[in-house]
Amino acid sequence: MEPPTAAGRIDAPRARTPLPGTHHEWVVAAALVSGVLLTLRGAERTGGVALPEPLAASATLRSWGRVVRTVLDHRATRPAASSADLDVVARAGVLLGSTLAAARATGHPGPLARVLLADTAPLHLPAETVVAQLARVHGALTAGDPVVAATVWAAGAPATRPFRPAPGDRRAPEE
């Protein structure tokens, strides 16, 4: 019998199937999203931003941690991720994506969008790229078969490198 999930229910076991992409790609996607979620949690704790559900009180951060930990710990196969955790991650992705879309459309980002934009600026990545990585991980893990998972994974690949030093930064750029 499987242990209860975060929501207290037991999910049906899922077959272990190969994951698309490289271990490095999964680590980069996990790190990008984790960094943004940690920044949002910090902004919430200091009173700078009132986060809506499911971002409030670290709910998404905890669910994201459980989802990516199972992937990174069991690299060769698609682990049985909790459907409750995957649902929280999906709702957070929709919220973050729609928040950024509204900010871009109006030209007036709210507090949540300002935190996202400020956090991703040093990476020289649009905030939407980080949200796309969240969707990419979620889509690959919830796909019905390996072909669909590979298609989702390939479609979500960032067009730019995940790190470029800011002007004046003494770290050497990755070659």
Foldseek 3Di string as FASTA:
>chain_A
DDAADPVRHDDDFDDWAFFDDDLVLLVLLLVLLLQLLVLVQVCVVVVNDQDDPPSPPCNLNVLSVQLSVVCNVVVGTQGDRDPVSLVRLVVVLVVLVVQCVVCVVVVNHDSSNVSLQVSQVQQVDGSVLSSLSSVLSSQLNPDPDNVRNNVSNVVSDDPDDRHDGDVPDPDDGDD
